[in-house]
Amino acid sequence: MQLTRAADYGVRVMMALAGMPPGERVSLQVLTRETGAPESFLSKVLQSLAQASLIASRRGQGGGFEIAPAGREASIRTIVEAVDGPIGLNVCLCEGKECQRKVWCPAHPVWAEAQRAMFSVLERTRMQDLAEMGATNQFTIVAAACLQSAGPVTANS
């Protein structure tokens, strides 16, 4: 299974918004630059996230997009399903779908275990946690670049 491009952009935009102070809004153009997503495509992703009440949008001067409190606490699974709908590793695991082979198929328990494991990882990973990891990673990269440009540190420095 591979996530769609829309789901990937949804996670990217939610990480960007979660990294901002509460109540701060940002424009579509800034989010496009932050995520690397085409503007027209990202606007559709943002509509899905707004319909799921994970972000809020405001038009006009001072408008833009901001993360909702529920969005900060949202898991990756919540984001992906807001954009793409329910995740199913195989049709036999999708709600509302019946698989005649499920009862006797030796692969069914394997698919079910794999899906549970995937859901476990996606559910325990929250947007706020990812935003904090991203900020730490950026600090580490900037600090390393500063140290490298300053040259070696000696005892006489």
C-alpha atoms as a PDB file:
ATOM      1  CA  MET A   1       0.000   0.000   0.000  1.00  0.00           C
ATOM      2  CA  GLN A   2       1.220   3.469  -0.829  1.00  0.00           C
ATOM      3  CA  LEU A   3      -0.253   6.695   0.492  1.00  0.00           C
ATOM      4  CA  THR A   4      -1.565   9.125  -2.071  1.00  0.00           C
ATOM      5  CA  ARG A   5       0.211  12.348  -2.884  1.00  0.00           C
ATOM      6  CA  ALA A   6      -2.751  14.190  -1.333  1.00  0.00           C
ATOM      7  CA  ALA A   7      -2.302  12.362   1.994  1.00  0.00           C
ATOM      8  CA  ASP A   8       1.418  13.140   1.978  1.00  0.00           C
ATOM      9  CA  TYR A   9       0.719  16.831   1.368  1.00  0.00           C
ATOM     10  CA  GLY A  10      -1.927  16.714   4.100  1.00  0.00           C
ATOM     11  CA  VAL A  11       0.625  15.490   6.618  1.00  0.00           C
ATOM     12  CA  ARG A  12       3.183  18.058   5.400  1.00  0.00           C
ATOM     13  CA  VAL A  13       0.778  20.971   5.718  1.00  0.00           C
ATOM     14  CA  MET A  14      -0.402  19.832   9.151  1.00  0.00           C
ATOM     15  CA  MET A  15       3.202  19.623  10.380  1.00  0.00           C
ATOM     16  CA  ALA A  16       3.845  23.140   9.074  1.00  0.00           C
ATOM     17  CA  LEU A  17       0.720  24.494  10.779  1.00  0.00           C
ATOM     18  CA  ALA A  18       1.419  22.607  14.030  1.00  0.00           C
ATOM     19  CA  GLY A  19       4.834  24.259  14.157  1.00  0.00           C
ATOM     20  CA  MET A  20       3.247  27.709  14.305  1.00  0.00           C
ATOM     21  CA  PRO A  21       2.086  29.448  17.493  1.00  0.00           C
ATOM     22  CA  PRO A  22      -1.623  28.926  18.300  1.00  0.00           C
ATOM     23  CA  GLY A  23      -3.874  31.430  16.550  1.00  0.00           C
ATOM     24  CA  GLU A  24      -1.318  32.363  13.892  1.00  0.00           C
ATOM     25  CA  ARG A  25      -2.577  32.202  10.307  1.00  0.00           C
ATOM     26  CA  VAL A  26      -0.600  31.624   7.157  1.00  0.00           C
ATOM     27  CA  SER A  27      -1.474  32.102   3.500  1.00  0.00           C
ATOM     28  CA  LEU A  28      -1.897  29.416   0.877  1.00  0.00           C
ATOM     29  CA  GLN A  29       1.213  30.736  -0.885  1.00  0.00           C
ATOM     30  CA  VAL A  30       3.337  30.259   2.240  1.00  0.00           C
ATOM     31  CA  LEU A  31       1.973  26.740   2.743  1.00  0.00           C
ATOM     32  CA  THR A  32       2.699  25.955  -0.895  1.00  0.00           C
ATOM     33  CA  ARG A  33       6.304  27.009  -0.382  1.00  0.00           C
ATOM     34  CA  GLU A  34       6.582  25.107   2.935  1.00  0.00           C
ATOM     35  CA  THR A  35       5.162  21.846   1.578  1.00  0.00           C
ATOM     36  CA  GLY A  36       6.391  21.873  -2.011  1.00  0.00           C
ATOM     37  CA  ALA A  37       2.828  21.150  -3.164  1.00  0.00           C
ATOM     38  CA  PRO A  38       1.208  22.795  -6.190  1.00  0.00           C
ATOM     39  CA  GLU A  39      -1.166  25.546  -5.021  1.00  0.00           C
ATOM     40  CA  SER A  40      -4.289  24.244  -6.790  1.00  0.00           C
ATOM     41  CA  PHE A  41      -3.718  20.733  -5.442  1.00  0.00           C
ATOM     42  CA  LEU A  42      -2.931  21.937  -1.918  1.00  0.00           C
ATOM     43  CA  SER A  43      -6.125  24.011  -1.795  1.00  0.00           C
ATOM     44  CA  LYS A  44      -8.150  20.813  -2.292  1.00  0.00           C
ATOM     45  CA  VAL A  45      -6.207  19.083   0.494  1.00  0.00           C
ATOM     46  CA  LEU A  46      -6.823  22.081   2.769  1.00  0.00           C
ATOM     47  CA  GLN A  47     -10.567  21.880   2.036  1.00  0.00           C
ATOM     48  CA  SER A  48     -10.603  18.254   3.204  1.00  0.00           C
ATOM     49  CA  LEU A  49      -8.715  19.150   6.382  1.00  0.00           C
ATOM     50  CA  ALA A  50     -11.095  22.036   7.070  1.00  0.00           C
ATOM     51  CA  GLN A  51     -14.148  19.794   6.542  1.00  0.00           C
ATOM     52  CA  ALA A  52     -12.663  17.422   9.146  1.00  0.00           C
ATOM     53  CA  SER A  53     -12.307  20.415  11.555  1.00  0.00           C
ATOM     54  CA  LEU A  54      -8.545  19.946  11.755  1.00  0.00           C
ATOM     55  CA  ILE A  55      -7.795  23.421  10.400  1.00  0.00           C
ATOM     56  CA  ALA A  56      -9.691  26.676  10.103  1.00  0.00           C
ATOM     57  CA  SER A  57      -9.598  29.090   7.209  1.00  0.00           C
ATOM     58  CA  ARG A  58     -10.486  32.745   7.071  1.00  0.00           C
ATOM     59  CA  ARG A  59     -10.864  34.884   3.976  1.00  0.00           C
ATOM     60  CA  GLY A  60      -9.821  38.465   3.478  1.00  0.00           C
ATOM     61  CA  GLN A  61      -7.195  40.668   5.053  1.00  0.00           C
ATOM     62  CA  GLY A  62      -5.552  38.913   7.963  1.00  0.00           C
ATOM     63  CA  GLY A  63      -7.007  35.656   6.701  1.00  0.00           C
ATOM     64  CA  GLY A  64      -5.325  32.393   5.939  1.00  0.00           C
ATOM     65  CA  PHE A  65      -5.114  28.962   7.481  1.00  0.00           C
ATOM     66  CA  GLU A  66      -4.502  27.963  11.065  1.00  0.00           C
ATOM     67  CA  ILE A  67      -4.465  24.663  12.842  1.00  0.00           C
ATOM     68  CA  ALA A  68      -7.408  23.842  15.097  1.00  0.00           C
ATOM     69  CA  PRO A  69      -6.755  22.460  18.590  1.00  0.00           C
ATOM     70  CA  ALA A  70      -7.967  19.062  17.370  1.00  0.00           C
ATOM     71  CA  GLY A  71      -5.456  19.303  14.524  1.00  0.00           C
ATOM     72  CA  ARG A  72      -2.497  19.653  16.902  1.00  0.00           C
ATOM     73  CA  GLU A  73      -3.519  16.441  18.645  1.00  0.00           C
ATOM     74  CA  ALA A  74      -4.508  14.627  15.450  1.00  0.00           C
ATOM     75  CA  SER A  75      -2.679  11.457  14.513  1.00  0.00           C
ATOM     76  CA  ILE A  76      -1.231  10.764  11.098  1.00  0.00           C
ATOM     77  CA  ARG A  77      -4.041   8.249  10.605  1.00  0.00           C
ATOM     78  CA  THR A  78      -6.615  10.974  11.262  1.00  0.00           C
ATOM     79  CA  ILE A  79      -4.946  13.257   8.709  1.00  0.00           C
ATOM     80  CA  VAL A  80      -4.666  10.562   6.044  1.00  0.00           C
ATOM     81  CA  GLU A  81      -8.279   9.490   6.504  1.00  0.00           C
ATOM     82  CA  ALA A  82      -9.467  13.115   6.412  1.00  0.00           C
ATOM     83  CA  VAL A  83      -7.854  13.481   2.995  1.00  0.00           C
ATOM     84  CA  ASP A  84      -8.246  10.008   1.476  1.00  0.00           C
ATOM     85  CA  GLY A  85     -11.001   8.315   3.453  1.00  0.00           C
ATOM     86  CA  PRO A  86     -10.640   5.067   5.398  1.00  0.00           C
ATOM     87  CA  ILE A  87      -7.361   3.193   5.077  1.00  0.00           C
ATOM     88  CA  GLY A  88      -7.546  -0.477   4.170  1.00  0.00           C
ATOM     89  CA  LEU A  89      -4.535  -2.629   3.519  1.00  0.00           C
ATOM     90  CA  ASN A  90      -6.704  -5.125   1.643  1.00  0.00           C
ATOM     91  CA  VAL A  91     -10.355  -5.162   0.588  1.00  0.00           C
ATOM     92  CA  CYS A  92     -11.060  -7.970   3.066  1.00  0.00           C
ATOM     93  CA  LEU A  93     -10.229  -5.550   5.900  1.00  0.00           C
ATOM     94  CA  CYS A  94     -12.381  -2.640   4.765  1.00  0.00           C
ATOM     95  CA  GLU A  95     -15.534  -1.901   6.705  1.00  0.00           C
ATOM     96  CA  GLY A  96     -18.662  -2.540   4.727  1.00  0.00           C
ATOM     97  CA  LYS A  97     -16.900  -4.822   2.276  1.00  0.00           C
ATOM     98  CA  GLU A  98     -17.430  -8.552   2.383  1.00  0.00           C
ATOM     99  CA  CYS A  99     -14.814 -11.038   1.335  1.00  0.00           C
ATOM    100  CA  GLN A 100     -16.084 -14.552   0.755  1.00  0.00           C
ATOM    101  CA  ARG A 101     -12.592 -15.939   1.297  1.00  0.00           C
ATOM    102  CA  LYS A 102     -11.998 -14.282   4.686  1.00  0.00           C
ATOM    103  CA  VAL A 103     -13.129 -17.311   6.723  1.00  0.00           C
ATOM    104  CA  TRP A 104     -10.743 -19.794   5.160  1.00  0.00           C
ATOM    105  CA  CYS A 105      -8.040 -17.634   3.521  1.00  0.00           C
ATOM    106  CA  PRO A 106      -4.624 -18.212   5.121  1.00  0.00           C
ATOM    107  CA  ALA A 107      -3.485 -14.701   4.099  1.00  0.00           C
ATOM    108  CA  HIS A 108      -6.313 -12.911   5.933  1.00  0.00           C
ATOM    109  CA  PRO A 109      -4.726 -13.077   9.411  1.00  0.00           C
ATOM    110  CA  VAL A 110      -1.465 -11.779   7.944  1.00  0.00           C
ATOM    111  CA  TRP A 111      -3.214  -8.792   6.327  1.00  0.00           C
ATOM    112  CA  ALA A 112      -5.131  -8.134   9.557  1.00  0.00           C
ATOM    113  CA  GLU A 113      -1.964  -8.194  11.683  1.00  0.00           C
ATOM    114  CA  ALA A 114      -0.120  -5.926   9.230  1.00  0.00           C
ATOM    115  CA  GLN A 115      -2.997  -3.439   9.219  1.00  0.00           C
ATOM    116  CA  ARG A 116      -3.156  -3.401  13.047  1.00  0.00           C
ATOM    117  CA  ALA A 117       0.594  -2.712  13.189  1.00  0.00           C
ATOM    118  CA  MET A 118       0.313   0.079  10.622  1.00  0.00           C
ATOM    119  CA  PHE A 119      -2.638   1.644  12.458  1.00  0.00           C
ATOM    120  CA  SER A 120      -0.737   1.455  15.736  1.00  0.00           C
ATOM    121  CA  VAL A 121       2.158   3.480  14.331  1.00  0.00           C
ATOM    122  CA  LEU A 122      -0.072   5.979  12.516  1.00  0.00           C
ATOM    123  CA  GLU A 123      -2.317   6.479  15.556  1.00  0.00           C
ATOM    124  CA  ARG A 124       0.427   7.105  18.095  1.00  0.00           C
ATOM    125  CA  THR A 125       2.186   9.719  15.953  1.00  0.00           C
ATOM    126  CA  ARG A 126       0.652  13.164  16.609  1.00  0.00           C
ATOM    127  CA  MET A 127       1.069  16.363  14.585  1.00  0.00           C
ATOM    128  CA  GLN A 128       2.386  18.373  17.546  1.00  0.00           C
ATOM    129  CA  ASP A 129       5.058  15.717  18.171  1.00  0.00           C
ATOM    130  CA  LEU A 130       6.140  15.844  14.523  1.00  0.00           C
ATOM    131  CA  ALA A 131       6.244  19.658  14.577  1.00  0.00           C
ATOM    132  CA  GLU A 132       8.468  19.566  17.675  1.00  0.00           C
ATOM    133  CA  MET A 133      10.759  16.977  16.056  1.00  0.00           C
ATOM    134  CA  GLY A 134      10.963  19.154  12.950  1.00  0.00           C
ATOM    135  CA  ALA A 135      11.919  22.216  14.992  1.00  0.00           C
ATOM    136  CA  THR A 136      14.608  20.210  16.804  1.00  0.00           C
ATOM    137  CA  ASN A 137      15.952  18.875  13.494  1.00  0.00           C
ATOM    138  CA  GLN A 138      16.079  22.390  12.005  1.00  0.00           C
ATOM    139  CA  PHE A 139      17.923  23.704  15.079  1.00  0.00           C
ATOM    140  CA  THR A 140      20.443  20.869  14.836  1.00  0.00           C
ATOM    141  CA  ILE A 141      21.067  21.559  11.137  1.00  0.00           C
ATOM    142  CA  VAL A 142      21.488  25.323  11.694  1.00  0.00           C
ATOM    143  CA  ALA A 143      23.731  24.799  14.725  1.00  0.00           C
ATOM    144  CA  ALA A 144      25.917  22.339  12.807  1.00  0.00           C
ATOM    145  CA  ALA A 145      26.221  24.783   9.894  1.00  0.00           C
ATOM    146  CA  CYS A 146      27.191  27.608  12.255  1.00  0.00           C
ATOM    147  CA  LEU A 147      29.806  25.462  13.965  1.00  0.00           C
ATOM    148  CA  GLN A 148      31.189  24.331  10.624  1.00  0.00           C
ATOM    149  CA  SER A 149      31.496  27.897   9.285  1.00  0.00           C
ATOM    150  CA  ALA A 150      33.158  29.085  12.527  1.00  0.00           C
ATOM    151  CA  GLY A 151      35.998  26.640  11.997  1.00  0.00           C
ATOM    152  CA  PRO A 152      37.610  24.353  14.540  1.00  0.00           C
ATOM    153  CA  VAL A 153      37.478  25.254  18.198  1.00  0.00           C
ATOM    154  CA  THR A 154      40.840  25.114  19.941  1.00  0.00           C
ATOM    155  CA  ALA A 155      41.879  25.455  23.577  1.00  0.00           C
ATOM    156  CA  ASN A 156      43.379  28.882  22.761  1.00  0.00           C
ATOM    157  CA  SER A 157      40.127  30.248  21.304  1.00  0.00           C
END
